[in-house]
């Protein structure tokens, strides 16, 4: 059984993780997960886009704090070759739905569900939140363990080397 650490209290200070390069840029393991509405999504079908894959849980304080900043990033980059997948780990759809009703504005990016934590195990996720950036060729480019402020300019700049047009970062 995977032991995921319980998140700290949600606060501005809990969003201090930074993206780091992934050694050797391996191909991201493909997966198929349903979103909260029952529609299946396959990671490999997003090749050609930069994909941010974030693992989170409703009980995780830093996850709660970073989700609204993920919405800002989504609004900023979604018109371009970009996708954001937030994968909930091990929780029931009803729990996730109740949790997500509390966001104003609502979260518009894809919320996927990994109820049996199969993808968590395959990707060797040690705790939540954990974030990976998958480049346009489907390779793991960057990762961070811990809460991130996705609106931080340093995070946005990290996408430039992944060949996103800089116009999307303005």
N, C-alpha and C. Protein backbone atom coordinates (compact mmCIF):
# COMPACT_ATOMS: atom_id res chain seq x y z
N UNK A 1 0.84 -1.19 0.00
CA UNK A 1 0.00 0.00 0.00
C UNK A 1 0.87 1.24 0.00
N UNK A 2 0.47 2.22 -0.77
CA UNK A 2 1.20 3.48 -0.88
C UNK A 2 0.79 4.39 0.27
N UNK A 3 1.75 4.96 0.96
CA UNK A 3 1.45 5.89 2.04
C UNK A 3 1.73 7.30 1.55
N UNK A 4 0.67 8.05 1.33
CA UNK A 4 0.81 9.43 0.89
C UNK A 4 0.74 10.34 2.11
N UNK A 5 1.68 11.27 2.24
CA UNK A 5 1.66 12.13 3.41
C UNK A 5 0.45 13.06 3.41
N UNK A 6 -0.06 13.31 4.59
CA UNK A 6 -1.17 14.25 4.74
C UNK A 6 -0.63 15.65 4.53
N UNK A 7 -1.33 16.43 3.70
CA UNK A 7 -0.90 17.79 3.37
C UNK A 7 -0.96 18.71 4.57
N UNK A 8 -0.12 19.71 4.52
CA UNK A 8 -0.08 20.73 5.57
C UNK A 8 -1.26 21.68 5.38
N UNK A 9 -1.41 22.58 6.29
CA UNK A 9 -2.45 23.60 6.16
C UNK A 9 -2.23 24.40 4.88
N UNK A 10 -3.33 24.70 4.19
CA UNK A 10 -3.23 25.51 2.98
C UNK A 10 -2.85 26.93 3.35
N UNK A 11 -1.77 27.39 2.79
CA UNK A 11 -1.35 28.77 3.03
C UNK A 11 -0.46 29.21 1.90
N UNK A 12 -0.27 30.50 1.79
CA UNK A 12 0.61 31.06 0.76
C UNK A 12 2.00 30.46 0.87
N UNK A 13 2.48 30.23 2.08
CA UNK A 13 3.82 29.69 2.29
C UNK A 13 3.97 28.24 1.89
N UNK A 14 2.83 27.53 1.72
CA UNK A 14 2.91 26.12 1.35
C UNK A 14 3.12 25.93 -0.15
N UNK A 15 3.14 27.00 -0.91
CA UNK A 15 3.29 26.91 -2.36
C UNK A 15 4.68 27.34 -2.78
N UNK A 16 5.69 26.64 -2.30
CA UNK A 16 7.06 27.05 -2.58
C UNK A 16 7.86 26.04 -3.39
N UNK A 17 7.22 24.97 -3.87
CA UNK A 17 7.93 23.99 -4.70
C UNK A 17 8.25 24.60 -6.06
N UNK A 18 9.34 24.17 -6.66
CA UNK A 18 9.77 24.64 -7.97
C UNK A 18 10.00 23.45 -8.88
N UNK A 19 9.73 23.65 -10.16
CA UNK A 19 9.99 22.61 -11.15
C UNK A 19 11.49 22.38 -11.30
N UNK A 20 11.85 21.09 -11.44
CA UNK A 20 13.24 20.69 -11.67
C UNK A 20 13.26 19.79 -12.89
N UNK A 21 14.38 19.76 -13.61
CA UNK A 21 14.45 18.87 -14.78
C UNK A 21 14.35 17.40 -14.39
N UNK A 22 13.77 16.61 -15.28
CA UNK A 22 13.72 15.16 -15.12
C UNK A 22 14.92 14.59 -15.87
N UNK A 23 15.74 13.83 -15.18
CA UNK A 23 16.95 13.25 -15.78
C UNK A 23 16.59 12.36 -16.96
N UNK A 24 17.30 12.53 -18.04
CA UNK A 24 17.21 11.71 -19.25
C UNK A 24 15.89 11.82 -19.99
N UNK A 25 14.97 12.61 -19.55
CA UNK A 25 13.69 12.85 -20.22
C UNK A 25 13.03 11.58 -20.76
N UNK A 26 12.67 10.64 -19.86
CA UNK A 26 12.02 9.40 -20.34
C UNK A 26 10.64 9.69 -20.92
N UNK A 27 10.15 8.79 -21.74
CA UNK A 27 8.79 8.90 -22.26
C UNK A 27 7.83 8.74 -21.09
N UNK A 28 6.83 9.59 -21.03
CA UNK A 28 5.83 9.52 -19.97
C UNK A 28 5.00 8.24 -20.15
N UNK A 29 4.79 7.52 -19.06
CA UNK A 29 3.96 6.32 -19.12
C UNK A 29 2.53 6.71 -19.49
N UNK A 30 2.00 6.05 -20.48
CA UNK A 30 0.65 6.36 -20.94
C UNK A 30 -0.37 5.87 -19.91
N UNK A 31 -1.51 6.51 -19.89
CA UNK A 31 -2.61 6.08 -19.03
C UNK A 31 -3.93 6.50 -19.66
N UNK A 32 -4.97 5.83 -19.23
CA UNK A 32 -6.35 6.21 -19.57
C UNK A 32 -7.08 6.33 -18.25
N UNK A 33 -7.63 7.51 -17.99
CA UNK A 33 -8.42 7.75 -16.78
C UNK A 33 -9.70 8.48 -17.16
N UNK A 34 -10.74 8.24 -16.39
CA UNK A 34 -11.99 8.98 -16.59
C UNK A 34 -11.94 10.30 -15.86
N UNK A 35 -12.63 11.29 -16.43
CA UNK A 35 -12.83 12.54 -15.71
C UNK A 35 -14.03 12.36 -14.79
N UNK A 36 -14.38 13.40 -14.07
CA UNK A 36 -15.45 13.26 -13.09
C UNK A 36 -16.82 13.10 -13.72
N UNK A 37 -16.90 13.27 -15.05
CA UNK A 37 -18.16 13.09 -15.77
C UNK A 37 -18.22 11.74 -16.49
N UNK A 38 -17.18 10.90 -16.31
CA UNK A 38 -17.17 9.57 -16.90
C UNK A 38 -16.54 9.47 -18.28
N UNK A 39 -16.00 10.57 -18.81
CA UNK A 39 -15.35 10.54 -20.12
C UNK A 39 -13.89 10.12 -19.96
N UNK A 40 -13.46 9.17 -20.79
CA UNK A 40 -12.09 8.65 -20.72
C UNK A 40 -11.12 9.57 -21.46
N UNK A 41 -9.92 9.73 -20.88
CA UNK A 41 -8.86 10.57 -21.48
C UNK A 41 -7.56 9.78 -21.46
N UNK A 42 -6.86 9.77 -22.61
CA UNK A 42 -5.59 9.06 -22.76
C UNK A 42 -4.48 10.10 -22.92
N UNK A 43 -3.44 9.98 -22.09
CA UNK A 43 -2.33 10.93 -22.14
C UNK A 43 -1.69 10.96 -23.53
N UNK A 44 -1.46 9.82 -24.15
CA UNK A 44 -0.76 9.78 -25.43
C UNK A 44 -1.52 10.52 -26.54
N UNK A 45 -2.81 10.72 -26.38
CA UNK A 45 -3.58 11.46 -27.38
C UNK A 45 -3.30 12.95 -27.32
N UNK A 46 -2.56 13.39 -26.32
CA UNK A 46 -2.24 14.81 -26.17
C UNK A 46 -0.86 15.14 -26.70
N UNK A 47 -0.17 14.15 -27.31
CA UNK A 47 1.15 14.42 -27.87
C UNK A 47 1.04 15.57 -28.87
N UNK A 48 2.04 16.44 -28.85
CA UNK A 48 2.00 17.66 -29.64
C UNK A 48 1.66 18.87 -28.79
N UNK A 49 1.20 18.61 -27.57
CA UNK A 49 0.91 19.68 -26.61
C UNK A 49 1.84 19.53 -25.42
N UNK A 50 2.06 20.62 -24.73
CA UNK A 50 2.71 20.57 -23.42
C UNK A 50 1.61 20.22 -22.43
N UNK A 51 1.83 19.19 -21.61
CA UNK A 51 0.81 18.72 -20.68
C UNK A 51 1.35 18.81 -19.25
N UNK A 52 0.64 19.50 -18.40
CA UNK A 52 0.96 19.52 -16.98
C UNK A 52 0.07 18.47 -16.33
N UNK A 53 0.70 17.51 -15.63
CA UNK A 53 0.00 16.44 -14.94
C UNK A 53 0.23 16.64 -13.45
N UNK A 54 -0.84 16.90 -12.72
CA UNK A 54 -0.75 17.18 -11.29
C UNK A 54 -1.53 16.11 -10.53
N UNK A 55 -0.90 15.53 -9.51
CA UNK A 55 -1.54 14.54 -8.64
C UNK A 55 -1.95 15.24 -7.35
N UNK A 56 -3.20 15.08 -6.92
CA UNK A 56 -3.73 15.82 -5.77
C UNK A 56 -4.79 15.00 -5.04
N UNK A 57 -5.19 15.51 -3.87
CA UNK A 57 -6.26 14.90 -3.07
C UNK A 57 -7.02 15.99 -2.33
N UNK A 58 -8.27 15.73 -2.00
CA UNK A 58 -9.11 16.74 -1.34
C UNK A 58 -8.64 17.05 0.08
N UNK A 59 -7.96 16.10 0.74
CA UNK A 59 -7.52 16.27 2.12
C UNK A 59 -6.17 16.98 2.22
N UNK A 60 -5.57 17.31 1.10
CA UNK A 60 -4.22 17.88 1.04
C UNK A 60 -4.27 19.40 1.04
N UNK A 61 -3.77 20.02 2.09
CA UNK A 61 -3.78 21.48 2.21
C UNK A 61 -3.08 22.20 1.06
N UNK A 62 -1.84 21.84 0.71
CA UNK A 62 -1.18 22.50 -0.41
C UNK A 62 -1.92 22.28 -1.74
N UNK A 63 -2.58 21.14 -1.90
CA UNK A 63 -3.38 20.91 -3.11
C UNK A 63 -4.52 21.92 -3.19
N UNK A 64 -5.19 22.13 -2.07
CA UNK A 64 -6.28 23.09 -2.01
C UNK A 64 -5.78 24.49 -2.38
N UNK A 65 -4.60 24.84 -1.89
CA UNK A 65 -4.05 26.16 -2.16
C UNK A 65 -3.62 26.33 -3.62
N UNK A 66 -3.12 25.25 -4.25
CA UNK A 66 -2.60 25.40 -5.61
C UNK A 66 -3.67 25.28 -6.69
N UNK A 67 -4.81 24.64 -6.42
CA UNK A 67 -5.83 24.46 -7.45
C UNK A 67 -6.30 25.78 -8.07
N UNK A 68 -6.57 26.84 -7.29
CA UNK A 68 -6.96 28.11 -7.94
C UNK A 68 -5.85 28.70 -8.81
N UNK A 69 -4.58 28.49 -8.44
CA UNK A 69 -3.49 29.00 -9.27
C UNK A 69 -3.37 28.18 -10.55
N UNK A 70 -3.77 26.91 -10.50
CA UNK A 70 -3.81 26.09 -11.70
C UNK A 70 -4.88 26.62 -12.66
N UNK A 71 -5.99 27.09 -12.12
CA UNK A 71 -7.05 27.66 -12.97
C UNK A 71 -6.52 28.89 -13.70
N UNK A 72 -5.75 29.72 -13.01
CA UNK A 72 -5.17 30.91 -13.65
C UNK A 72 -4.24 30.49 -14.78
N UNK A 73 -3.38 29.48 -14.54
CA UNK A 73 -2.48 28.99 -15.58
C UNK A 73 -3.29 28.45 -16.76
N UNK A 74 -4.34 27.69 -16.48
CA UNK A 74 -5.20 27.14 -17.52
C UNK A 74 -5.79 28.26 -18.38
N UNK A 75 -6.31 29.29 -17.73
CA UNK A 75 -6.90 30.41 -18.47
C UNK A 75 -5.86 31.11 -19.34
N UNK A 76 -4.66 31.18 -18.84
CA UNK A 76 -3.58 31.89 -19.53
C UNK A 76 -3.03 31.12 -20.73
N UNK A 77 -2.95 29.78 -20.63
CA UNK A 77 -2.28 28.99 -21.66
C UNK A 77 -3.19 28.10 -22.50
N UNK A 78 -4.43 27.89 -22.09
CA UNK A 78 -5.28 26.92 -22.79
C UNK A 78 -5.61 27.27 -24.23
N UNK A 79 -5.54 28.51 -24.65
CA UNK A 79 -5.80 28.72 -26.08
C UNK A 79 -4.71 28.11 -26.98
N UNK A 80 -3.58 27.77 -26.41
CA UNK A 80 -2.46 27.25 -27.20
C UNK A 80 -2.31 25.75 -27.07
N UNK A 81 -1.15 25.24 -27.48
CA UNK A 81 -0.87 23.80 -27.43
C UNK A 81 -0.54 23.34 -26.01
N UNK A 82 -1.54 23.39 -25.14
CA UNK A 82 -1.34 23.18 -23.72
C UNK A 82 -2.53 22.41 -23.15
N UNK A 83 -2.26 21.53 -22.20
CA UNK A 83 -3.32 20.82 -21.48
C UNK A 83 -2.92 20.68 -20.03
N UNK A 84 -3.89 20.73 -19.15
CA UNK A 84 -3.68 20.58 -17.72
C UNK A 84 -4.56 19.44 -17.23
N UNK A 85 -3.94 18.41 -16.64
CA UNK A 85 -4.66 17.26 -16.11
C UNK A 85 -4.40 17.18 -14.61
N UNK A 86 -5.44 17.34 -13.82
CA UNK A 86 -5.32 17.22 -12.36
C UNK A 86 -5.90 15.86 -11.98
N UNK A 87 -5.03 14.96 -11.53
CA UNK A 87 -5.44 13.58 -11.23
C UNK A 87 -5.66 13.43 -9.73
N UNK A 88 -6.91 13.20 -9.36
CA UNK A 88 -7.21 12.93 -7.96
C UNK A 88 -6.81 11.51 -7.63
N UNK A 89 -6.19 11.32 -6.48
CA UNK A 89 -5.66 10.01 -6.12
C UNK A 89 -6.50 9.34 -5.03
N UNK A 90 -7.14 8.23 -5.40
CA UNK A 90 -7.76 7.33 -4.45
C UNK A 90 -9.05 7.75 -3.80
N UNK A 91 -9.73 8.74 -4.35
CA UNK A 91 -10.98 9.19 -3.71
C UNK A 91 -12.17 8.89 -4.61
N UNK A 92 -13.34 8.85 -3.99
CA UNK A 92 -14.57 8.57 -4.73
C UNK A 92 -15.06 9.82 -5.47
N UNK A 93 -15.72 9.58 -6.57
CA UNK A 93 -16.25 10.67 -7.41
C UNK A 93 -17.14 11.61 -6.60
N UNK A 94 -17.99 11.07 -5.72
CA UNK A 94 -18.90 11.92 -4.94
C UNK A 94 -18.11 12.86 -4.02
N UNK A 95 -17.03 12.38 -3.43
CA UNK A 95 -16.18 13.20 -2.56
C UNK A 95 -15.54 14.33 -3.37
N UNK A 96 -15.05 14.00 -4.54
CA UNK A 96 -14.41 14.98 -5.41
C UNK A 96 -15.43 16.03 -5.85
N UNK A 97 -16.62 15.58 -6.27
CA UNK A 97 -17.65 16.52 -6.72
C UNK A 97 -18.05 17.49 -5.62
N UNK A 98 -18.25 16.98 -4.40
CA UNK A 98 -18.60 17.87 -3.27
C UNK A 98 -17.49 18.89 -3.04
N UNK A 99 -16.25 18.42 -3.07
CA UNK A 99 -15.10 19.29 -2.85
C UNK A 99 -15.02 20.39 -3.91
N UNK A 100 -15.23 20.05 -5.15
CA UNK A 100 -15.05 21.01 -6.25
C UNK A 100 -16.15 22.05 -6.33
N UNK A 101 -17.30 21.81 -5.70
CA UNK A 101 -18.37 22.80 -5.73
C UNK A 101 -17.99 24.06 -4.95
N UNK A 102 -16.96 23.99 -4.12
CA UNK A 102 -16.56 25.14 -3.32
C UNK A 102 -15.69 26.15 -4.04
N UNK A 103 -15.36 25.92 -5.30
CA UNK A 103 -14.46 26.83 -6.01
C UNK A 103 -15.25 27.87 -6.80
N UNK A 104 -14.89 29.13 -6.59
CA UNK A 104 -15.48 30.24 -7.32
C UNK A 104 -14.37 31.19 -7.72
N UNK A 105 -14.03 31.28 -8.98
CA UNK A 105 -14.70 30.65 -10.11
C UNK A 105 -14.45 29.15 -10.14
N UNK A 106 -15.31 28.42 -10.85
CA UNK A 106 -15.14 26.96 -10.93
C UNK A 106 -13.87 26.59 -11.69
N UNK A 107 -13.34 25.41 -11.40
CA UNK A 107 -12.15 24.93 -12.09
C UNK A 107 -12.58 24.38 -13.44
N UNK A 108 -11.94 24.86 -14.51
CA UNK A 108 -12.35 24.48 -15.87
C UNK A 108 -11.43 23.45 -16.50
N UNK A 109 -10.27 23.20 -15.93
CA UNK A 109 -9.35 22.23 -16.50
C UNK A 109 -9.82 20.81 -16.15
N UNK A 110 -9.21 19.82 -16.82
CA UNK A 110 -9.66 18.44 -16.64
C UNK A 110 -9.26 17.88 -15.28
N UNK A 111 -10.26 17.38 -14.56
CA UNK A 111 -10.05 16.68 -13.30
C UNK A 111 -10.26 15.20 -13.60
N UNK A 112 -9.18 14.42 -13.49
CA UNK A 112 -9.26 12.98 -13.73
C UNK A 112 -9.26 12.24 -12.40
N UNK A 113 -9.74 11.01 -12.42
CA UNK A 113 -9.88 10.24 -11.19
C UNK A 113 -9.09 8.94 -11.31
N UNK A 114 -8.24 8.71 -10.33
CA UNK A 114 -7.44 7.48 -10.24
C UNK A 114 -7.86 6.75 -8.95
N UNK A 115 -9.08 6.17 -8.92
CA UNK A 115 -9.63 5.65 -7.67
C UNK A 115 -8.84 4.49 -7.07
N UNK A 116 -8.23 3.68 -7.90
CA UNK A 116 -7.45 2.54 -7.39
C UNK A 116 -5.96 2.87 -7.33
N UNK A 117 -5.61 4.11 -7.63
CA UNK A 117 -4.23 4.63 -7.56
C UNK A 117 -3.27 3.84 -8.45
N UNK A 118 -3.78 3.35 -9.57
CA UNK A 118 -2.96 2.62 -10.52
C UNK A 118 -1.90 3.52 -11.16
N UNK A 119 -2.30 4.70 -11.62
CA UNK A 119 -1.36 5.63 -12.25
C UNK A 119 -0.37 6.16 -11.20
N UNK A 120 -0.84 6.39 -10.00
CA UNK A 120 0.03 6.83 -8.91
C UNK A 120 1.18 5.83 -8.72
N UNK A 121 0.86 4.55 -8.72
CA UNK A 121 1.88 3.51 -8.57
C UNK A 121 2.79 3.45 -9.78
N UNK A 122 2.21 3.47 -10.98
CA UNK A 122 3.01 3.37 -12.20
C UNK A 122 3.97 4.55 -12.34
N UNK A 123 3.53 5.74 -11.97
CA UNK A 123 4.37 6.94 -12.07
C UNK A 123 5.26 7.10 -10.83
N UNK A 124 5.15 6.21 -9.86
CA UNK A 124 5.94 6.20 -8.64
C UNK A 124 5.84 7.53 -7.87
N UNK A 125 4.60 7.98 -7.71
CA UNK A 125 4.33 9.21 -6.97
C UNK A 125 4.50 8.92 -5.49
N UNK A 126 5.33 9.76 -4.82
CA UNK A 126 5.63 9.53 -3.39
C UNK A 126 4.72 10.30 -2.46
N UNK A 127 4.07 11.33 -2.94
CA UNK A 127 3.18 12.14 -2.12
C UNK A 127 2.47 13.16 -2.98
N UNK A 128 1.49 13.81 -2.40
CA UNK A 128 0.75 14.85 -3.12
C UNK A 128 0.91 16.17 -2.40
N UNK A 129 0.90 17.26 -3.15
CA UNK A 129 0.83 17.31 -4.60
C UNK A 129 2.18 17.01 -5.26
N UNK A 130 2.11 16.41 -6.42
CA UNK A 130 3.26 16.19 -7.29
C UNK A 130 2.85 16.60 -8.69
N UNK A 131 3.73 17.30 -9.38
CA UNK A 131 3.43 17.82 -10.71
C UNK A 131 4.53 17.42 -11.68
N UNK A 132 4.12 17.00 -12.88
CA UNK A 132 5.05 16.73 -13.98
C UNK A 132 4.67 17.59 -15.17
N UNK A 133 5.67 18.00 -15.94
CA UNK A 133 5.45 18.65 -17.22
C UNK A 133 5.90 17.66 -18.29
N UNK A 134 4.98 17.33 -19.20
CA UNK A 134 5.25 16.43 -20.31
C UNK A 134 5.40 17.30 -21.55
N UNK A 135 6.54 17.17 -22.25
CA UNK A 135 6.77 18.02 -23.41
C UNK A 135 5.96 17.55 -24.62
N UNK A 136 6.08 18.28 -25.72
CA UNK A 136 5.28 17.98 -26.91
C UNK A 136 5.59 16.62 -27.51
N UNK A 137 6.75 16.06 -27.22
CA UNK A 137 7.12 14.74 -27.73
C UNK A 137 6.68 13.62 -26.78
N UNK A 138 5.98 13.97 -25.69
CA UNK A 138 5.48 12.97 -24.75
C UNK A 138 6.52 12.52 -23.74
N UNK A 139 7.55 13.34 -23.52
CA UNK A 139 8.61 13.00 -22.57
C UNK A 139 8.47 13.83 -21.30
N UNK A 140 8.86 13.21 -20.17
CA UNK A 140 8.86 13.94 -18.91
C UNK A 140 9.99 14.96 -18.94
N UNK A 141 9.65 16.23 -18.80
CA UNK A 141 10.64 17.29 -18.88
C UNK A 141 10.99 17.87 -17.52
N UNK A 142 9.96 18.11 -16.68
CA UNK A 142 10.17 18.72 -15.37
C UNK A 142 9.21 18.10 -14.37
N UNK A 143 9.55 18.26 -13.08
CA UNK A 143 8.65 17.79 -12.03
C UNK A 143 8.87 18.62 -10.77
N UNK A 144 7.88 18.56 -9.89
CA UNK A 144 7.97 19.21 -8.58
C UNK A 144 7.18 18.37 -7.59
N UNK A 145 7.72 18.25 -6.40
CA UNK A 145 7.01 17.60 -5.30
C UNK A 145 6.69 18.69 -4.29
N UNK A 146 5.41 18.82 -3.97
CA UNK A 146 4.96 19.86 -3.06
C UNK A 146 4.10 20.87 -3.79
N UNK A 147 3.51 21.76 -3.02
CA UNK A 147 2.61 22.75 -3.58
C UNK A 147 3.34 23.81 -4.38
N UNK A 148 2.75 24.16 -5.53
CA UNK A 148 3.32 25.18 -6.41
C UNK A 148 2.33 26.31 -6.62
N UNK A 149 2.86 27.51 -6.78
CA UNK A 149 2.04 28.63 -7.22
C UNK A 149 2.18 28.70 -8.73
N UNK A 150 1.18 28.21 -9.45
CA UNK A 150 1.25 28.11 -10.90
C UNK A 150 1.17 29.47 -11.58
N UNK A 151 0.84 30.53 -10.84
CA UNK A 151 0.82 31.86 -11.44
C UNK A 151 2.16 32.56 -11.29
N UNK A 152 3.06 31.96 -10.57
CA UNK A 152 4.39 32.51 -10.37
C UNK A 152 5.11 32.64 -11.71
N UNK A 153 5.73 33.78 -11.94
CA UNK A 153 6.44 34.00 -13.21
C UNK A 153 7.53 32.96 -13.44
N UNK A 154 8.17 32.47 -12.39
CA UNK A 154 9.22 31.47 -12.56
C UNK A 154 8.66 30.18 -13.13
N UNK A 155 7.44 29.84 -12.73
CA UNK A 155 6.81 28.64 -13.28
C UNK A 155 6.47 28.86 -14.75
N UNK A 156 5.89 30.00 -15.07
CA UNK A 156 5.53 30.28 -16.46
C UNK A 156 6.75 30.29 -17.37
N UNK A 157 7.86 30.85 -16.89
CA UNK A 157 9.08 30.90 -17.69
C UNK A 157 9.59 29.49 -17.99
N UNK A 158 9.38 28.56 -17.09
CA UNK A 158 9.89 27.20 -17.30
C UNK A 158 9.26 26.55 -18.52
N UNK A 159 8.11 27.01 -18.96
CA UNK A 159 7.47 26.43 -20.14
C UNK A 159 8.10 26.90 -21.44
N UNK A 160 8.86 27.97 -21.42
CA UNK A 160 9.40 28.51 -22.66
C UNK A 160 10.35 27.54 -23.33
N UNK A 161 11.14 26.81 -22.58
CA UNK A 161 12.07 25.87 -23.21
C UNK A 161 11.35 24.64 -23.76
N UNK A 162 10.07 24.53 -23.48
CA UNK A 162 9.29 23.42 -24.02
C UNK A 162 8.61 23.81 -25.33
N UNK A 163 9.05 24.91 -25.91
CA UNK A 163 8.62 25.41 -27.21
C UNK A 163 7.19 25.94 -27.25
N UNK A 164 6.65 26.32 -26.12
CA UNK A 164 5.38 27.04 -26.18
C UNK A 164 5.68 28.43 -26.75
N UNK A 165 4.86 28.91 -27.65
CA UNK A 165 5.08 30.26 -28.18
C UNK A 165 5.07 31.27 -27.03
N UNK A 166 6.04 32.15 -27.01
CA UNK A 166 6.13 33.10 -25.91
C UNK A 166 4.92 34.02 -25.86
N UNK A 167 4.19 34.17 -26.92
CA UNK A 167 2.98 34.99 -26.90
C UNK A 167 1.99 34.47 -25.86
N UNK A 168 2.01 33.16 -25.61
CA UNK A 168 1.09 32.58 -24.64
C UNK A 168 1.48 32.91 -23.21
N UNK A 169 2.71 33.34 -23.01
CA UNK A 169 3.17 33.60 -21.66
C UNK A 169 2.98 35.05 -21.23
N UNK A 170 2.48 35.87 -22.11
CA UNK A 170 2.32 37.29 -21.80
C UNK A 170 1.05 37.51 -21.01
